[in-house]
N, C-alpha and C. Protein backbone atom coordinates (compact mmCIF):
# COMPACT_ATOMS: atom_id res chain seq x y z
N MET A 1 -69.30 -2.58 -30.75
CA MET A 1 -70.91 -0.91 -30.99
C MET A 1 -70.26 -0.16 -31.21
N ALA A 2 -70.32 0.65 -32.44
CA ALA A 2 -70.49 1.71 -33.02
C ALA A 2 -71.19 2.43 -32.13
N VAL A 3 -70.99 3.68 -32.89
CA VAL A 3 -71.73 4.42 -31.60
C VAL A 3 -71.32 6.21 -32.72
N ILE A 4 -72.55 6.30 -33.29
CA ILE A 4 -71.84 8.08 -33.80
C ILE A 4 -72.47 9.27 -33.33
N VAL A 5 -70.90 10.17 -32.59
CA VAL A 5 -71.33 10.70 -31.56
C VAL A 5 -71.28 13.13 -32.16
N ARG A 6 -72.86 13.07 -31.47
CA ARG A 6 -72.40 14.46 -32.16
C ARG A 6 -71.60 15.71 -31.06
N ILE A 7 -70.81 16.01 -31.94
CA ILE A 7 -70.24 16.95 -31.47
C ILE A 7 -69.75 18.86 -30.81
N PRO A 8 -71.09 19.41 -30.67
CA PRO A 8 -71.52 21.05 -30.92
C PRO A 8 -70.50 22.03 -31.40
N THR A 9 -70.44 22.46 -32.24
CA THR A 9 -69.77 23.47 -32.18
C THR A 9 -68.82 24.39 -31.40
N PRO A 10 -69.06 24.35 -29.73
CA PRO A 10 -67.14 24.92 -28.66
C PRO A 10 -66.32 23.60 -28.65
N LEU A 11 -67.09 22.87 -29.21
CA LEU A 11 -66.25 21.31 -28.39
C LEU A 11 -65.25 21.07 -29.72
N ARG A 12 -65.78 21.13 -31.07
CA ARG A 12 -64.73 21.16 -31.92
C ARG A 12 -63.50 21.26 -32.63
N ARG A 13 -63.29 22.15 -31.74
CA ARG A 13 -61.72 22.44 -31.29
C ARG A 13 -60.60 21.42 -31.06
N LEU A 14 -61.78 20.21 -30.22
CA LEU A 14 -61.24 19.22 -28.73
C LEU A 14 -61.03 18.22 -30.04
N THR A 15 -62.07 18.55 -31.69
CA THR A 15 -62.30 17.29 -32.40
C THR A 15 -61.91 17.61 -33.84
N ASN A 16 -61.06 18.45 -33.44
CA ASN A 16 -60.21 18.60 -35.35
C ASN A 16 -61.53 19.25 -35.96
N GLY A 17 -62.26 19.56 -34.79
CA GLY A 17 -63.27 20.87 -36.13
C GLY A 17 -64.14 19.23 -36.19
N GLN A 18 -63.68 18.54 -36.72
CA GLN A 18 -65.48 17.04 -37.07
C GLN A 18 -66.67 17.35 -36.10
N GLY A 19 -67.56 17.60 -36.08
CA GLY A 19 -68.98 17.59 -36.02
C GLY A 19 -70.20 16.18 -35.61
N GLU A 20 -69.15 15.05 -35.90
CA GLU A 20 -69.38 13.95 -36.06
C GLU A 20 -68.03 12.85 -35.69
N VAL A 21 -67.85 12.38 -34.49
CA VAL A 21 -67.14 11.08 -34.81
C VAL A 21 -67.88 9.85 -34.61
N GLU A 22 -66.83 8.67 -34.01
CA GLU A 22 -67.87 7.64 -34.42
C GLU A 22 -66.90 6.90 -33.22
N VAL A 23 -67.93 5.85 -31.65
CA VAL A 23 -66.89 5.29 -31.14
C VAL A 23 -67.63 4.00 -31.11
N GLU A 24 -66.54 2.98 -30.64
CA GLU A 24 -67.42 1.83 -30.09
C GLU A 24 -66.86 2.32 -28.61
N ALA A 25 -68.28 2.24 -28.06
CA ALA A 25 -68.81 1.57 -26.81
C ALA A 25 -69.98 0.95 -26.29
N LYS A 26 -70.32 0.82 -25.24
CA LYS A 26 -72.08 -0.25 -24.97
C LYS A 26 -72.52 0.61 -24.18
N SER A 27 -71.95 1.04 -23.51
CA SER A 27 -72.86 2.73 -22.74
C SER A 27 -72.04 4.16 -22.97
N VAL A 28 -72.78 5.07 -21.90
CA VAL A 28 -72.73 6.60 -22.39
C VAL A 28 -71.22 6.81 -21.86
N ARG A 29 -70.99 6.42 -20.01
CA ARG A 29 -69.88 6.90 -19.35
C ARG A 29 -68.79 5.44 -21.25
N GLU A 30 -68.69 4.92 -20.96
CA GLU A 30 -67.21 3.88 -21.92
C GLU A 30 -67.44 4.48 -23.89
N ALA A 31 -67.98 5.79 -23.66
CA ALA A 31 -68.40 5.75 -24.41
C ALA A 31 -67.72 8.12 -24.47
N ILE A 32 -67.25 8.50 -23.51
CA ILE A 32 -66.48 9.13 -22.69
C ILE A 32 -65.93 9.00 -23.19
N GLU A 33 -65.55 7.53 -22.07
CA GLU A 33 -63.93 7.02 -21.94
C GLU A 33 -63.29 7.11 -23.31
N LYS A 34 -63.60 6.47 -24.03
CA LYS A 34 -63.48 6.62 -26.04
C LYS A 34 -62.92 8.39 -26.22
N LEU A 35 -64.17 8.67 -26.24
CA LEU A 35 -64.00 10.14 -26.93
C LEU A 35 -62.52 10.74 -25.77
N GLU A 36 -62.28 10.46 -25.16
CA GLU A 36 -61.31 11.30 -23.88
C GLU A 36 -60.35 10.00 -24.41
N GLU A 37 -59.86 9.28 -24.98
CA GLU A 37 -58.13 8.44 -25.72
C GLU A 37 -58.59 9.39 -26.65
N GLN A 38 -59.37 9.47 -27.47
CA GLN A 38 -59.45 10.26 -29.42
C GLN A 38 -59.14 11.71 -29.16
N PHE A 39 -59.47 12.35 -28.98
CA PHE A 39 -59.37 13.78 -28.43
C PHE A 39 -59.63 13.23 -26.58
N PRO A 40 -57.94 14.02 -26.23
CA PRO A 40 -57.85 14.64 -24.82
C PRO A 40 -58.81 15.97 -24.81
N GLY A 41 -59.13 15.85 -23.01
CA GLY A 41 -59.74 17.38 -22.94
C GLY A 41 -60.49 17.33 -23.22
N ILE A 42 -61.38 15.66 -22.98
CA ILE A 42 -63.50 16.26 -24.14
C ILE A 42 -64.06 15.82 -22.61
N LYS A 43 -62.98 15.00 -21.84
CA LYS A 43 -64.50 14.41 -20.88
C LYS A 43 -64.92 15.74 -19.80
N GLU A 44 -63.29 16.77 -19.17
CA GLU A 44 -63.82 16.90 -18.38
C GLU A 44 -64.88 18.69 -18.66
N ARG A 45 -65.06 18.69 -19.87
CA ARG A 45 -66.14 19.08 -19.99
C ARG A 45 -67.73 18.75 -20.26
N LEU A 46 -67.71 17.12 -20.15
CA LEU A 46 -68.66 16.52 -20.00
C LEU A 46 -68.71 16.09 -18.39
N VAL A 47 -68.32 15.47 -18.02
CA VAL A 47 -67.98 15.48 -16.51
C VAL A 47 -67.06 16.09 -14.92
N ASP A 48 -68.65 16.47 -14.36
CA ASP A 48 -67.02 17.07 -13.08
C ASP A 48 -65.14 15.21 -12.42
N GLU A 49 -65.42 16.21 -11.93
CA GLU A 49 -64.66 15.75 -10.66
C GLU A 49 -64.60 14.34 -10.22
N ASN A 50 -66.23 14.37 -10.03
CA ASN A 50 -66.74 13.38 -9.27
C ASN A 50 -67.26 11.70 -10.30
N GLY A 51 -67.74 12.15 -11.33
CA GLY A 51 -67.97 11.65 -12.92
C GLY A 51 -68.91 11.56 -13.01
N GLU A 52 -69.42 12.34 -12.84
CA GLU A 52 -70.75 12.82 -12.82
C GLU A 52 -71.26 13.86 -13.79
N LEU A 53 -72.32 13.74 -14.69
CA LEU A 53 -72.47 14.74 -16.26
C LEU A 53 -72.45 15.92 -15.85
N ARG A 54 -72.23 17.35 -15.87
CA ARG A 54 -71.89 18.60 -15.76
C ARG A 54 -73.71 18.84 -15.96
N LYS A 55 -74.42 20.37 -14.96
CA LYS A 55 -75.31 20.20 -14.84
C LYS A 55 -76.09 20.85 -16.67
N PHE A 56 -74.97 21.74 -16.83
CA PHE A 56 -74.39 22.02 -18.10
C PHE A 56 -74.29 21.77 -19.81
N VAL A 57 -74.77 20.47 -19.19
CA VAL A 57 -74.04 19.56 -20.59
C VAL A 57 -75.22 18.55 -20.81
N ASN A 58 -76.79 18.31 -22.36
CA ASN A 58 -77.21 17.05 -21.91
C ASN A 58 -77.29 16.48 -22.51
N LEU A 59 -76.71 15.09 -22.92
CA LEU A 59 -76.86 13.89 -23.58
C LEU A 59 -77.95 13.25 -24.07
N TYR A 60 -78.50 13.28 -25.42
CA TYR A 60 -78.83 12.47 -25.71
C TYR A 60 -78.72 11.18 -26.39
N VAL A 61 -79.88 10.10 -26.43
CA VAL A 61 -79.13 8.74 -27.75
C VAL A 61 -80.16 8.88 -28.12
N ASN A 62 -79.99 8.84 -29.02
CA ASN A 62 -81.88 9.03 -30.61
C ASN A 62 -82.20 9.45 -29.43
N ASP A 63 -82.29 11.33 -29.58
CA ASP A 63 -83.48 11.82 -28.89
C ASP A 63 -83.50 11.86 -28.13
N GLU A 64 -83.46 10.95 -26.31
CA GLU A 64 -83.50 10.26 -25.58
C GLU A 64 -82.73 10.98 -24.43
N ASP A 65 -82.67 11.86 -23.09
CA ASP A 65 -82.15 13.07 -22.87
C ASP A 65 -81.97 11.59 -21.74
N ILE A 66 -80.36 10.82 -20.82
CA ILE A 66 -80.14 10.36 -20.38
C ILE A 66 -80.51 10.02 -19.05
N ARG A 67 -80.23 11.31 -18.69
CA ARG A 67 -80.68 11.61 -17.20
C ARG A 67 -82.56 10.93 -16.69
N PHE A 68 -83.45 10.65 -18.04
CA PHE A 68 -84.79 9.92 -18.34
C PHE A 68 -84.33 8.90 -18.65
N LEU A 69 -83.11 8.48 -18.36
CA LEU A 69 -82.41 6.81 -18.81
C LEU A 69 -81.81 6.33 -17.65
N LYS A 70 -80.94 5.55 -18.56
CA LYS A 70 -80.04 5.20 -16.81
C LYS A 70 -78.68 6.00 -16.26
N GLY A 71 -78.96 7.13 -16.66
CA GLY A 71 -78.30 8.47 -16.50
C GLY A 71 -76.50 7.99 -17.55
N LEU A 72 -75.22 8.56 -16.61
CA LEU A 72 -73.80 7.68 -17.83
C LEU A 72 -73.31 6.21 -18.14
N ASP A 73 -74.94 5.00 -17.17
CA ASP A 73 -74.47 3.60 -17.08
C ASP A 73 -75.06 3.72 -18.74
N THR A 74 -76.22 4.16 -19.14
CA THR A 74 -77.35 4.28 -20.48
C THR A 74 -76.86 3.08 -21.68
N GLU A 75 -77.00 1.85 -22.30
CA GLU A 75 -77.00 1.02 -22.26
C GLU A 75 -76.93 2.16 -23.75
N LEU A 76 -75.82 1.73 -25.23
CA LEU A 76 -75.48 1.84 -26.02
C LEU A 76 -75.77 0.68 -26.88
N LYS A 77 -75.77 0.24 -28.38
CA LYS A 77 -76.59 -0.55 -29.78
C LYS A 77 -75.65 0.19 -30.85
N ASP A 78 -75.35 -0.80 -31.82
CA ASP A 78 -74.79 0.11 -32.60
C ASP A 78 -75.55 0.26 -33.26
N GLY A 79 -75.48 1.27 -34.20
CA GLY A 79 -76.23 2.34 -35.17
C GLY A 79 -77.20 3.72 -34.42
N ASP A 80 -76.44 3.48 -32.34
CA ASP A 80 -77.00 4.88 -32.18
C ASP A 80 -76.57 6.23 -32.34
N THR A 81 -77.00 6.89 -31.83
CA THR A 81 -76.65 8.74 -31.91
C THR A 81 -76.67 9.12 -30.73
N LEU A 82 -75.34 9.42 -30.05
CA LEU A 82 -75.04 10.19 -29.18
C LEU A 82 -74.68 11.99 -29.18
N SER A 83 -75.76 13.06 -28.65
CA SER A 83 -75.11 13.89 -28.51
C SER A 83 -75.55 14.96 -27.85
N ILE A 84 -74.02 15.26 -28.23
CA ILE A 84 -73.89 16.65 -27.60
C ILE A 84 -74.03 17.87 -26.26
N VAL A 85 -74.96 17.85 -26.07
CA VAL A 85 -76.30 19.21 -25.92
C VAL A 85 -75.52 19.93 -25.76
N PRO A 86 -75.39 21.19 -25.39
CA PRO A 86 -75.26 22.25 -24.29
C PRO A 86 -75.65 23.10 -23.95
N ALA A 87 -76.18 23.13 -22.44
CA ALA A 87 -77.20 24.70 -21.82
C ALA A 87 -77.43 26.29 -23.08
N ILE A 88 -77.94 26.39 -23.12
CA ILE A 88 -78.12 28.01 -23.35
C ILE A 88 -78.79 28.59 -22.74
N ALA A 89 -78.12 29.14 -21.72
CA ALA A 89 -79.47 29.99 -20.88
C ALA A 89 -79.33 31.72 -21.60
N GLY A 90 -79.67 32.44 -21.27
CA GLY A 90 -80.60 33.59 -21.54
C GLY A 90 -81.83 34.49 -21.14
N GLY A 91 -82.03 35.51 -21.87
CA GLY A 91 -83.02 36.15 -21.36
C GLY A 91 -83.78 37.37 -22.68
């Protein structure tokens, strides 16, 4: 299952400047593990020590927020796009 992962600018230093990478994964959780294998250190930016998605990170599968799907267990299929979007705060 080839999935395109869109990497936000703040995390591109971990992906050698790449804005998009491809991983083989059947779920969002597995995609994060595959990202960690290729780019050590990225997982800790996305999930906490309990393996839960960090509050300031949003993940979208084909423009659907995974929090409204099955969270990290959201299934992926060939050709899906997983977008990592850091939360932005301000006033």
